[in-house]
Amino acid sequence: MKPVMNAARIIQNCYIVRDLEAACKRLNQMYGIGPFMGGGPGSLTEHTYRGRPEEPIGIRGVFVQSGDLNIELVELTSKTPSAFHDMFPNGQEGFHHVACFTDDYEKERDAFVAAGYPVASEFIAVGKKFCYIDARDPLGHMIELYPQHKTVRAMYQKTRDMAAQWDGKELIIPWDLTGYDVE
């Protein structure tokens, strides 16, 4: 069987949390990782849920580095139907998705759909279209597809850089990509 994606590299695991600050503290206390980058409010706009236009998805999120793996924590701030609510409809917490960059976003997204894995949510974030593929049946989670994007790559690099020099004092640090190549 030919793979749906061509040598996909999973670059991130994401967890849905009820309280972003408390979740950052828990992960730091459990694994000693930090700092957590971000934390401010965000909106995933031009949202399509299962083929229908929907309201934007309100979130607060952070990135943190654990070795080579990036971890994202997302707190939902809206009740908009979405891929997030498909998995956690009543405010539960847990593992939501893996993320992968793709060189051809539409081609890879359409290949998943043709293979029987529907797009649960598609939206605009940091100026580009992203989506969640519903892979719960075979894998138990969603798959987030990113197009190649300088700003998102810069966010990953900044998270790695900050983890390498972190002094343990400030647990959550707002995004500042000054000095990084962004779109």
N, C-alpha and C. Protein backbone atom coordinates (compact mmCIF):
# COMPACT_ATOMS: atom_id res chain seq x y z
N MET A 1 0.84 -1.19 0.00
CA MET A 1 0.00 0.00 0.00
C MET A 1 0.88 1.25 0.00
N LYS A 2 0.57 2.16 -0.88
CA LYS A 2 1.32 3.42 -0.98
C LYS A 2 0.87 4.36 0.14
N PRO A 3 1.83 5.02 0.83
CA PRO A 3 1.43 5.95 1.90
C PRO A 3 0.66 7.15 1.34
N VAL A 4 -0.22 7.70 2.15
CA VAL A 4 -1.00 8.87 1.73
C VAL A 4 -0.07 10.08 1.59
N MET A 5 0.81 10.28 2.57
CA MET A 5 1.80 11.36 2.50
C MET A 5 3.13 10.77 2.08
N ASN A 6 3.91 11.55 1.40
CA ASN A 6 5.23 11.12 0.96
C ASN A 6 6.25 11.37 2.07
N ALA A 7 6.58 10.34 2.84
CA ALA A 7 7.60 10.43 3.90
C ALA A 7 7.31 11.56 4.88
N ALA A 8 6.11 11.58 5.40
CA ALA A 8 5.70 12.62 6.36
C ALA A 8 6.59 12.59 7.58
N ARG A 9 6.94 13.76 8.07
CA ARG A 9 7.69 13.88 9.31
C ARG A 9 6.80 14.56 10.33
N ILE A 10 6.47 13.83 11.37
CA ILE A 10 5.65 14.41 12.44
C ILE A 10 6.55 15.34 13.24
N ILE A 11 6.14 16.59 13.34
CA ILE A 11 6.97 17.58 14.02
C ILE A 11 6.36 18.06 15.33
N GLN A 12 5.12 17.68 15.58
CA GLN A 12 4.46 18.21 16.77
C GLN A 12 3.37 17.25 17.26
N ASN A 13 3.22 17.20 18.57
CA ASN A 13 2.05 16.59 19.21
C ASN A 13 1.30 17.71 19.91
N CYS A 14 -0.03 17.68 19.81
CA CYS A 14 -0.85 18.73 20.42
C CYS A 14 -1.85 18.14 21.39
N TYR A 15 -2.02 18.82 22.50
CA TYR A 15 -2.97 18.42 23.54
C TYR A 15 -3.97 19.55 23.77
N ILE A 16 -5.22 19.20 23.92
CA ILE A 16 -6.26 20.15 24.31
C ILE A 16 -6.31 20.18 25.83
N VAL A 17 -6.33 21.39 26.38
CA VAL A 17 -6.33 21.56 27.84
C VAL A 17 -7.45 22.51 28.25
N ARG A 18 -7.90 22.39 29.49
CA ARG A 18 -8.95 23.29 30.00
C ARG A 18 -8.37 24.61 30.48
N ASP A 19 -7.20 24.58 31.08
CA ASP A 19 -6.58 25.76 31.68
C ASP A 19 -5.13 25.79 31.22
N LEU A 20 -4.82 26.72 30.33
CA LEU A 20 -3.49 26.76 29.70
C LEU A 20 -2.37 26.93 30.72
N GLU A 21 -2.52 27.87 31.64
CA GLU A 21 -1.46 28.11 32.62
C GLU A 21 -1.22 26.88 33.50
N ALA A 22 -2.31 26.27 33.96
CA ALA A 22 -2.18 25.07 34.81
C ALA A 22 -1.52 23.93 34.04
N ALA A 23 -1.87 23.77 32.76
CA ALA A 23 -1.26 22.71 31.95
C ALA A 23 0.23 22.95 31.73
N CYS A 24 0.62 24.21 31.53
CA CYS A 24 2.05 24.53 31.39
C CYS A 24 2.80 24.15 32.66
N LYS A 25 2.22 24.49 33.80
CA LYS A 25 2.85 24.15 35.08
C LYS A 25 2.97 22.64 35.25
N ARG A 26 1.90 21.90 34.89
CA ARG A 26 1.93 20.43 35.01
C ARG A 26 3.02 19.81 34.16
N LEU A 27 3.13 20.25 32.90
CA LEU A 27 4.14 19.67 32.02
C LEU A 27 5.54 20.04 32.49
N ASN A 28 5.69 21.27 32.96
CA ASN A 28 7.00 21.68 33.48
C ASN A 28 7.39 20.86 34.70
N GLN A 29 6.45 20.67 35.62
CA GLN A 29 6.73 19.90 36.83
C GLN A 29 6.98 18.43 36.52
N MET A 30 6.28 17.89 35.53
CA MET A 30 6.42 16.48 35.20
C MET A 30 7.68 16.19 34.38
N TYR A 31 7.97 17.04 33.38
CA TYR A 31 9.04 16.76 32.45
C TYR A 31 10.21 17.74 32.50
N GLY A 32 10.06 18.85 33.24
CA GLY A 32 11.14 19.84 33.32
C GLY A 32 11.32 20.66 32.06
N ILE A 33 10.29 20.72 31.20
CA ILE A 33 10.42 21.45 29.94
C ILE A 33 9.92 22.87 30.07
N GLY A 34 10.42 23.72 29.21
CA GLY A 34 10.03 25.12 29.16
C GLY A 34 11.08 25.88 28.37
N PRO A 35 10.83 27.14 28.12
CA PRO A 35 9.61 27.88 28.39
C PRO A 35 8.52 27.54 27.38
N PHE A 36 7.32 27.96 27.70
CA PHE A 36 6.16 27.79 26.84
C PHE A 36 5.98 29.11 26.09
N MET A 37 6.01 29.04 24.78
CA MET A 37 5.98 30.23 23.93
C MET A 37 4.56 30.52 23.46
N GLY A 38 4.10 31.76 23.68
CA GLY A 38 2.77 32.17 23.23
C GLY A 38 1.89 32.51 24.40
N GLY A 39 0.67 32.00 24.38
CA GLY A 39 -0.26 32.18 25.49
C GLY A 39 -1.35 33.21 25.25
N GLY A 40 -1.18 34.05 24.23
CA GLY A 40 -2.19 35.07 23.97
C GLY A 40 -3.38 34.52 23.20
N PRO A 41 -4.45 35.32 23.11
CA PRO A 41 -5.63 34.86 22.38
C PRO A 41 -5.36 34.80 20.88
N GLY A 42 -6.02 33.84 20.22
CA GLY A 42 -5.90 33.71 18.78
C GLY A 42 -7.22 33.31 18.17
N SER A 43 -7.30 33.44 16.86
CA SER A 43 -8.52 33.10 16.15
C SER A 43 -8.16 32.39 14.85
N LEU A 44 -8.76 31.24 14.63
CA LEU A 44 -8.59 30.50 13.38
C LEU A 44 -9.76 30.89 12.50
N THR A 45 -9.49 31.73 11.50
CA THR A 45 -10.54 32.40 10.73
C THR A 45 -10.86 31.65 9.44
N GLU A 46 -11.89 32.15 8.74
CA GLU A 46 -12.37 31.55 7.50
C GLU A 46 -12.51 30.04 7.68
N HIS A 47 -13.11 29.68 8.79
CA HIS A 47 -13.22 28.30 9.22
C HIS A 47 -14.33 27.56 8.46
N THR A 48 -13.97 26.40 7.95
CA THR A 48 -14.93 25.48 7.35
C THR A 48 -14.91 24.21 8.18
N TYR A 49 -16.06 23.81 8.66
CA TYR A 49 -16.19 22.59 9.48
C TYR A 49 -16.99 21.56 8.70
N ARG A 50 -16.32 20.47 8.35
CA ARG A 50 -16.97 19.37 7.63
C ARG A 50 -17.73 19.88 6.40
N GLY A 51 -17.06 20.81 5.69
CA GLY A 51 -17.59 21.33 4.43
C GLY A 51 -18.53 22.51 4.55
N ARG A 52 -18.84 22.94 5.78
CA ARG A 52 -19.77 24.06 5.99
C ARG A 52 -19.04 25.25 6.62
N PRO A 53 -19.33 26.46 6.16
CA PRO A 53 -18.74 27.63 6.81
C PRO A 53 -19.16 27.71 8.28
N GLU A 54 -18.24 28.04 9.14
CA GLU A 54 -18.51 28.17 10.58
C GLU A 54 -17.85 29.42 11.12
N GLU A 55 -18.21 29.76 12.33
CA GLU A 55 -17.57 30.89 13.02
C GLU A 55 -16.10 30.56 13.26
N PRO A 56 -15.24 31.58 13.42
CA PRO A 56 -13.84 31.33 13.75
C PRO A 56 -13.71 30.53 15.06
N ILE A 57 -12.62 29.81 15.18
CA ILE A 57 -12.32 29.05 16.39
C ILE A 57 -11.44 29.92 17.28
N GLY A 58 -11.91 30.21 18.49
CA GLY A 58 -11.12 30.98 19.45
C GLY A 58 -10.23 30.04 20.26
N ILE A 59 -8.96 30.38 20.35
CA ILE A 59 -8.01 29.56 21.10
C ILE A 59 -7.00 30.42 21.84
N ARG A 60 -6.34 29.80 22.79
CA ARG A 60 -5.08 30.29 23.37
C ARG A 60 -4.15 29.10 23.28
N GLY A 61 -2.92 29.33 22.83
CA GLY A 61 -2.02 28.21 22.66
C GLY A 61 -0.58 28.56 22.96
N VAL A 62 0.19 27.52 23.21
CA VAL A 62 1.63 27.66 23.43
C VAL A 62 2.36 26.53 22.72
N PHE A 63 3.62 26.79 22.40
CA PHE A 63 4.56 25.77 21.94
C PHE A 63 5.61 25.59 23.02
N VAL A 64 6.09 24.36 23.18
CA VAL A 64 7.21 24.07 24.07
C VAL A 64 8.03 22.97 23.42
N GLN A 65 9.32 22.96 23.66
CA GLN A 65 10.19 21.97 23.05
C GLN A 65 10.55 20.89 24.07
N SER A 66 10.54 19.63 23.61
CA SER A 66 10.99 18.50 24.42
C SER A 66 11.90 17.66 23.53
N GLY A 67 13.20 17.90 23.61
CA GLY A 67 14.14 17.25 22.70
C GLY A 67 13.85 17.71 21.28
N ASP A 68 13.68 16.75 20.36
CA ASP A 68 13.37 17.09 18.97
C ASP A 68 11.89 17.32 18.73
N LEU A 69 11.05 17.02 19.72
CA LEU A 69 9.61 17.11 19.55
C LEU A 69 9.07 18.44 20.06
N ASN A 70 8.25 19.09 19.23
CA ASN A 70 7.52 20.27 19.65
C ASN A 70 6.17 19.81 20.20
N ILE A 71 5.76 20.40 21.31
CA ILE A 71 4.47 20.11 21.91
C ILE A 71 3.65 21.39 21.92
N GLU A 72 2.41 21.28 21.49
CA GLU A 72 1.49 22.41 21.52
C GLU A 72 0.41 22.10 22.54
N LEU A 73 0.06 23.11 23.32
CA LEU A 73 -1.09 23.04 24.22
C LEU A 73 -2.10 24.07 23.73
N VAL A 74 -3.35 23.66 23.61
CA VAL A 74 -4.41 24.55 23.13
C VAL A 74 -5.56 24.56 24.12
N GLU A 75 -5.93 25.76 24.54
CA GLU A 75 -7.14 25.97 25.35
C GLU A 75 -8.18 26.59 24.42
N LEU A 76 -9.34 25.96 24.32
CA LEU A 76 -10.41 26.48 23.48
C LEU A 76 -11.14 27.61 24.20
N THR A 77 -11.39 28.70 23.46
CA THR A 77 -12.11 29.84 24.06
C THR A 77 -13.44 30.10 23.35
N SER A 78 -13.81 29.18 22.46
CA SER A 78 -15.11 29.28 21.79
C SER A 78 -15.75 27.90 21.75
N LYS A 79 -17.03 27.90 21.50
CA LYS A 79 -17.77 26.63 21.41
C LYS A 79 -18.12 26.29 19.96
N THR A 80 -17.47 26.99 19.02
CA THR A 80 -17.70 26.75 17.60
C THR A 80 -17.48 25.29 17.25
N PRO A 81 -18.40 24.66 16.52
CA PRO A 81 -18.14 23.28 16.07
C PRO A 81 -16.81 23.22 15.31
N SER A 82 -15.99 22.24 15.65
CA SER A 82 -14.65 22.16 15.06
C SER A 82 -14.06 20.78 15.28
N ALA A 83 -12.91 20.55 14.67
CA ALA A 83 -12.16 19.30 14.88
C ALA A 83 -11.81 19.14 16.35
N PHE A 84 -11.58 20.24 17.06
CA PHE A 84 -11.27 20.16 18.50
C PHE A 84 -12.45 19.59 19.27
N HIS A 85 -13.65 20.13 18.98
CA HIS A 85 -14.85 19.69 19.70
C HIS A 85 -15.30 18.30 19.28
N ASP A 86 -14.91 17.86 18.09
CA ASP A 86 -15.22 16.48 17.69
C ASP A 86 -14.62 15.49 18.68
N MET A 87 -13.41 15.77 19.11
CA MET A 87 -12.72 14.85 20.02
C MET A 87 -13.03 15.12 21.48
N PHE A 88 -13.24 16.39 21.82
CA PHE A 88 -13.44 16.77 23.21
C PHE A 88 -14.66 17.69 23.32
N PRO A 89 -15.87 17.13 23.17
CA PRO A 89 -17.07 17.97 23.12
C PRO A 89 -17.48 18.59 24.45
N ASN A 90 -17.05 18.04 25.54
CA ASN A 90 -17.54 18.53 26.84
C ASN A 90 -16.43 19.05 27.74
N GLY A 91 -15.43 19.65 27.14
CA GLY A 91 -14.37 20.25 27.93
C GLY A 91 -13.33 19.28 28.47
N GLN A 92 -13.30 18.06 27.92
CA GLN A 92 -12.26 17.13 28.36
C GLN A 92 -10.90 17.59 27.85
N GLU A 93 -9.85 16.93 28.34
CA GLU A 93 -8.49 17.22 27.91
C GLU A 93 -7.89 15.96 27.29
N GLY A 94 -6.91 16.14 26.42
CA GLY A 94 -6.22 14.98 25.90
C GLY A 94 -5.48 15.26 24.61
N PHE A 95 -4.86 14.19 24.11
CA PHE A 95 -4.09 14.26 22.87
C PHE A 95 -5.03 14.49 21.70
N HIS A 96 -4.73 15.50 20.89
CA HIS A 96 -5.60 15.86 19.77
C HIS A 96 -5.03 15.55 18.40
N HIS A 97 -3.79 15.99 18.13
CA HIS A 97 -3.27 15.81 16.77
C HIS A 97 -1.76 15.76 16.72
N VAL A 98 -1.28 15.23 15.59
CA VAL A 98 0.11 15.39 15.19
C VAL A 98 0.10 16.42 14.07
N ALA A 99 1.21 17.12 13.89
CA ALA A 99 1.31 18.12 12.83
C ALA A 99 2.44 17.75 11.88
N CYS A 100 2.20 18.03 10.59
CA CYS A 100 3.18 17.76 9.54
C CYS A 100 3.19 18.92 8.55
N PHE A 101 4.38 19.34 8.13
CA PHE A 101 4.49 20.26 7.01
C PHE A 101 4.32 19.47 5.72
N THR A 102 3.81 20.12 4.70
CA THR A 102 3.67 19.50 3.39
C THR A 102 4.16 20.47 2.32
N ASP A 103 4.78 19.92 1.29
CA ASP A 103 5.26 20.75 0.18
C ASP A 103 4.15 21.15 -0.77
N ASP A 104 3.05 20.39 -0.78
CA ASP A 104 1.92 20.68 -1.65
C ASP A 104 0.64 20.47 -0.84
N TYR A 105 0.21 21.53 -0.17
CA TYR A 105 -0.91 21.45 0.78
C TYR A 105 -2.16 20.84 0.15
N GLU A 106 -2.63 21.42 -0.96
CA GLU A 106 -3.88 20.94 -1.57
C GLU A 106 -3.76 19.48 -2.01
N LYS A 107 -2.64 19.11 -2.60
CA LYS A 107 -2.44 17.73 -3.07
C LYS A 107 -2.47 16.74 -1.91
N GLU A 108 -1.78 17.07 -0.82
CA GLU A 108 -1.72 16.16 0.34
C GLU A 108 -3.09 16.09 1.03
N ARG A 109 -3.74 17.24 1.18
CA ARG A 109 -5.08 17.26 1.79
C ARG A 109 -6.04 16.40 0.96
N ASP A 110 -6.03 16.61 -0.35
CA ASP A 110 -6.92 15.87 -1.24
C ASP A 110 -6.61 14.38 -1.26
N ALA A 111 -5.33 14.01 -1.09
CA ALA A 111 -4.95 12.59 -1.03
C ALA A 111 -5.54 11.93 0.21
N PHE A 112 -5.55 12.64 1.33
CA PHE A 112 -6.19 12.10 2.54
C PHE A 112 -7.68 11.90 2.31
N VAL A 113 -8.33 12.89 1.72
CA VAL A 113 -9.76 12.79 1.47
C VAL A 113 -10.04 11.60 0.54
N ALA A 114 -9.26 11.46 -0.53
CA ALA A 114 -9.45 10.35 -1.47
C ALA A 114 -9.23 8.99 -0.79
N ALA A 115 -8.37 8.97 0.24
CA ALA A 115 -8.11 7.72 0.97
C ALA A 115 -9.16 7.45 2.05
N GLY A 116 -10.16 8.35 2.17
CA GLY A 116 -11.24 8.13 3.14
C GLY A 116 -11.10 8.85 4.45
N TYR A 117 -10.19 9.81 4.53
CA TYR A 117 -9.97 10.58 5.76
C TYR A 117 -10.44 12.01 5.52
N PRO A 118 -11.61 12.40 6.02
CA PRO A 118 -12.18 13.71 5.70
C PRO A 118 -11.47 14.86 6.41
N VAL A 119 -11.64 16.03 5.83
CA VAL A 119 -11.18 17.27 6.47
C VAL A 119 -12.24 17.63 7.52
N ALA A 120 -11.84 17.67 8.77
CA ALA A 120 -12.76 18.03 9.84
C ALA A 120 -12.90 19.55 9.94
N SER A 121 -11.76 20.26 9.95
CA SER A 121 -11.75 21.72 10.00
C SER A 121 -10.65 22.22 9.08
N GLU A 122 -10.96 23.29 8.37
CA GLU A 122 -9.95 24.00 7.56
C GLU A 122 -10.12 25.47 7.86
N PHE A 123 -9.01 26.20 7.94
CA PHE A 123 -9.06 27.58 8.42
C PHE A 123 -7.80 28.32 8.01
N ILE A 124 -7.81 29.62 8.26
CA ILE A 124 -6.64 30.46 8.03
C ILE A 124 -6.00 30.75 9.38
N ALA A 125 -4.68 30.52 9.44
CA ALA A 125 -3.86 30.86 10.62
C ALA A 125 -2.57 31.46 10.09
N VAL A 126 -2.11 32.51 10.71
CA VAL A 126 -0.92 33.26 10.30
C VAL A 126 -0.87 33.45 8.78
N GLY A 127 -2.04 33.75 8.19
CA GLY A 127 -2.12 34.10 6.78
C GLY A 127 -2.16 32.95 5.79
N LYS A 128 -2.18 31.71 6.26
CA LYS A 128 -2.18 30.55 5.35
C LYS A 128 -3.28 29.57 5.75
N LYS A 129 -3.68 28.74 4.79
CA LYS A 129 -4.69 27.72 5.03
C LYS A 129 -4.05 26.49 5.67
N PHE A 130 -4.65 26.00 6.76
CA PHE A 130 -4.25 24.79 7.47
C PHE A 130 -5.50 23.91 7.59
N CYS A 131 -5.31 22.63 7.91
CA CYS A 131 -6.48 21.80 8.15
C CYS A 131 -6.19 20.68 9.13
N TYR A 132 -7.28 20.13 9.67
CA TYR A 132 -7.24 18.92 10.49
C TYR A 132 -7.92 17.81 9.71
N ILE A 133 -7.16 16.75 9.46
CA ILE A 133 -7.67 15.56 8.82
C ILE A 133 -8.16 14.62 9.92
N ASP A 134 -9.36 14.08 9.75
CA ASP A 134 -9.93 13.18 10.76
C ASP A 134 -9.37 11.76 10.55
N ALA A 135 -8.38 11.41 11.35
CA ALA A 135 -7.75 10.08 11.30
C ALA A 135 -8.05 9.31 12.59
N ARG A 136 -9.16 9.64 13.23
CA ARG A 136 -9.48 8.98 14.51
C ARG A 136 -9.73 7.49 14.35
N ASP A 137 -10.33 7.09 13.24
CA ASP A 137 -10.64 5.67 13.09
C ASP A 137 -9.36 4.81 13.10
N PRO A 138 -8.37 5.11 12.26
CA PRO A 138 -7.19 4.24 12.30
C PRO A 138 -6.16 4.61 13.37
N LEU A 139 -6.12 5.90 13.77
CA LEU A 139 -5.03 6.35 14.64
C LEU A 139 -5.47 6.88 16.00
N GLY A 140 -6.71 7.28 16.14
CA GLY A 140 -7.19 7.82 17.41
C GLY A 140 -6.97 9.31 17.58
N HIS A 141 -6.57 10.00 16.51
CA HIS A 141 -6.32 11.45 16.60
C HIS A 141 -6.47 12.10 15.24
N MET A 142 -6.40 13.41 15.24
CA MET A 142 -6.41 14.21 14.02
C MET A 142 -4.97 14.35 13.51
N ILE A 143 -4.86 14.78 12.24
CA ILE A 143 -3.58 15.14 11.63
C ILE A 143 -3.70 16.58 11.16
N GLU A 144 -2.80 17.44 11.61
CA GLU A 144 -2.78 18.83 11.14
C GLU A 144 -1.80 18.93 9.99
N LEU A 145 -2.26 19.50 8.87
CA LEU A 145 -1.39 19.74 7.73
C LEU A 145 -1.09 21.22 7.63
N TYR A 146 0.21 21.54 7.50
CA TYR A 146 0.68 22.91 7.29
C TYR A 146 1.27 23.01 5.89
N PRO A 147 1.05 24.12 5.21
CA PRO A 147 1.87 24.39 4.04
C PRO A 147 3.26 24.84 4.53
N GLN A 148 4.25 24.81 3.66
CA GLN A 148 5.53 25.39 4.03
C GLN A 148 5.29 26.88 4.32
N HIS A 149 5.80 27.36 5.46
CA HIS A 149 5.45 28.71 5.90
C HIS A 149 6.59 29.25 6.78
N LYS A 150 7.18 30.36 6.34
CA LYS A 150 8.32 30.92 7.07
C LYS A 150 7.97 31.30 8.51
N THR A 151 6.79 31.86 8.73
CA THR A 151 6.42 32.30 10.07
C THR A 151 6.27 31.10 11.01
N VAL A 152 5.60 30.05 10.55
CA VAL A 152 5.44 28.86 11.39
C VAL A 152 6.79 28.20 11.65
N ARG A 153 7.64 28.13 10.62
CA ARG A 153 8.99 27.58 10.82
C ARG A 153 9.75 28.43 11.84
N ALA A 154 9.58 29.75 11.78
CA ALA A 154 10.24 30.65 12.74
C ALA A 154 9.73 30.39 14.16
N MET A 155 8.44 30.11 14.30
CA MET A 155 7.89 29.81 15.63
C MET A 155 8.52 28.54 16.19
N TYR A 156 8.68 27.53 15.36
CA TYR A 156 9.35 26.30 15.81
C TYR A 156 10.80 26.58 16.20
N GLN A 157 11.51 27.34 15.37
CA GLN A 157 12.91 27.64 15.66
C GLN A 157 13.05 28.46 16.94
N LYS A 158 12.21 29.46 17.10
CA LYS A 158 12.25 30.29 18.31
C LYS A 158 12.00 29.42 19.56
N THR A 159 11.06 28.49 19.48
CA THR A 159 10.78 27.61 20.60
C THR A 159 12.01 26.77 20.95
N ARG A 160 12.68 26.22 19.94
CA ARG A 160 13.92 25.45 20.18
C ARG A 160 15.00 26.33 20.78
N ASP A 161 15.17 27.53 20.22
CA ASP A 161 16.21 28.45 20.71
C ASP A 161 15.96 28.84 22.16
N MET A 162 14.73 29.16 22.49
CA MET A 162 14.41 29.57 23.86
C MET A 162 14.59 28.41 24.84
N ALA A 163 14.25 27.19 24.43
CA ALA A 163 14.43 26.02 25.31
C ALA A 163 15.91 25.80 25.60
N ALA A 164 16.75 26.05 24.61
CA ALA A 164 18.19 25.81 24.77
C ALA A 164 18.83 26.80 25.75
N GLN A 165 18.24 27.97 25.89
CA GLN A 165 18.84 28.99 26.76
C GLN A 165 17.99 29.33 27.98
N TRP A 166 16.93 28.59 28.22
CA TRP A 166 15.98 28.92 29.28
C TRP A 166 16.61 28.79 30.66
N ASP A 167 16.39 29.82 31.48
CA ASP A 167 16.92 29.83 32.84
C ASP A 167 15.90 29.35 33.88
N GLY A 168 14.70 28.98 33.43
CA GLY A 168 13.69 28.44 34.33
C GLY A 168 12.87 29.49 35.06
N LYS A 169 13.11 30.75 34.80
CA LYS A 169 12.43 31.81 35.56
C LYS A 169 11.04 32.15 35.03
N GLU A 170 10.90 32.37 33.75
CA GLU A 170 9.61 32.77 33.18
C GLU A 170 9.02 31.56 32.45
N LEU A 171 7.88 31.05 32.93
CA LEU A 171 7.32 29.82 32.39
C LEU A 171 6.65 30.04 31.03
N ILE A 172 5.88 31.12 30.88
CA ILE A 172 5.18 31.42 29.63
C ILE A 172 5.70 32.74 29.09
N ILE A 173 6.21 32.71 27.86
CA ILE A 173 6.81 33.89 27.24
C ILE A 173 6.02 34.22 25.97
N PRO A 174 5.48 35.44 25.86
CA PRO A 174 4.72 35.82 24.66
C PRO A 174 5.59 35.75 23.40
N TRP A 175 4.94 35.49 22.26
CA TRP A 175 5.67 35.44 21.00
C TRP A 175 6.31 36.76 20.67
N ASP A 176 7.55 36.72 20.23
CA ASP A 176 8.27 37.84 19.65
C ASP A 176 9.24 37.24 18.64
N LEU A 177 8.93 37.36 17.37
CA LEU A 177 9.75 36.75 16.33
C LEU A 177 10.72 37.74 15.69
N THR A 178 11.00 38.84 16.40
CA THR A 178 12.00 39.80 15.93
C THR A 178 13.31 39.06 15.68
N GLY A 179 13.90 39.29 14.52
CA GLY A 179 15.17 38.65 14.19
C GLY A 179 15.02 37.32 13.47
N TYR A 180 13.79 36.82 13.32
CA TYR A 180 13.53 35.58 12.62
C TYR A 180 12.92 35.89 11.25
N ASP A 181 13.17 35.02 10.28
CA ASP A 181 12.64 35.19 8.92
C ASP A 181 11.17 34.80 8.91
N VAL A 182 10.29 35.80 8.72
CA VAL A 182 8.85 35.57 8.74
C VAL A 182 8.23 36.11 7.46
N GLU A 183 7.02 35.65 7.16
CA GLU A 183 6.28 36.15 5.99
C GLU A 183 5.41 37.31 6.38
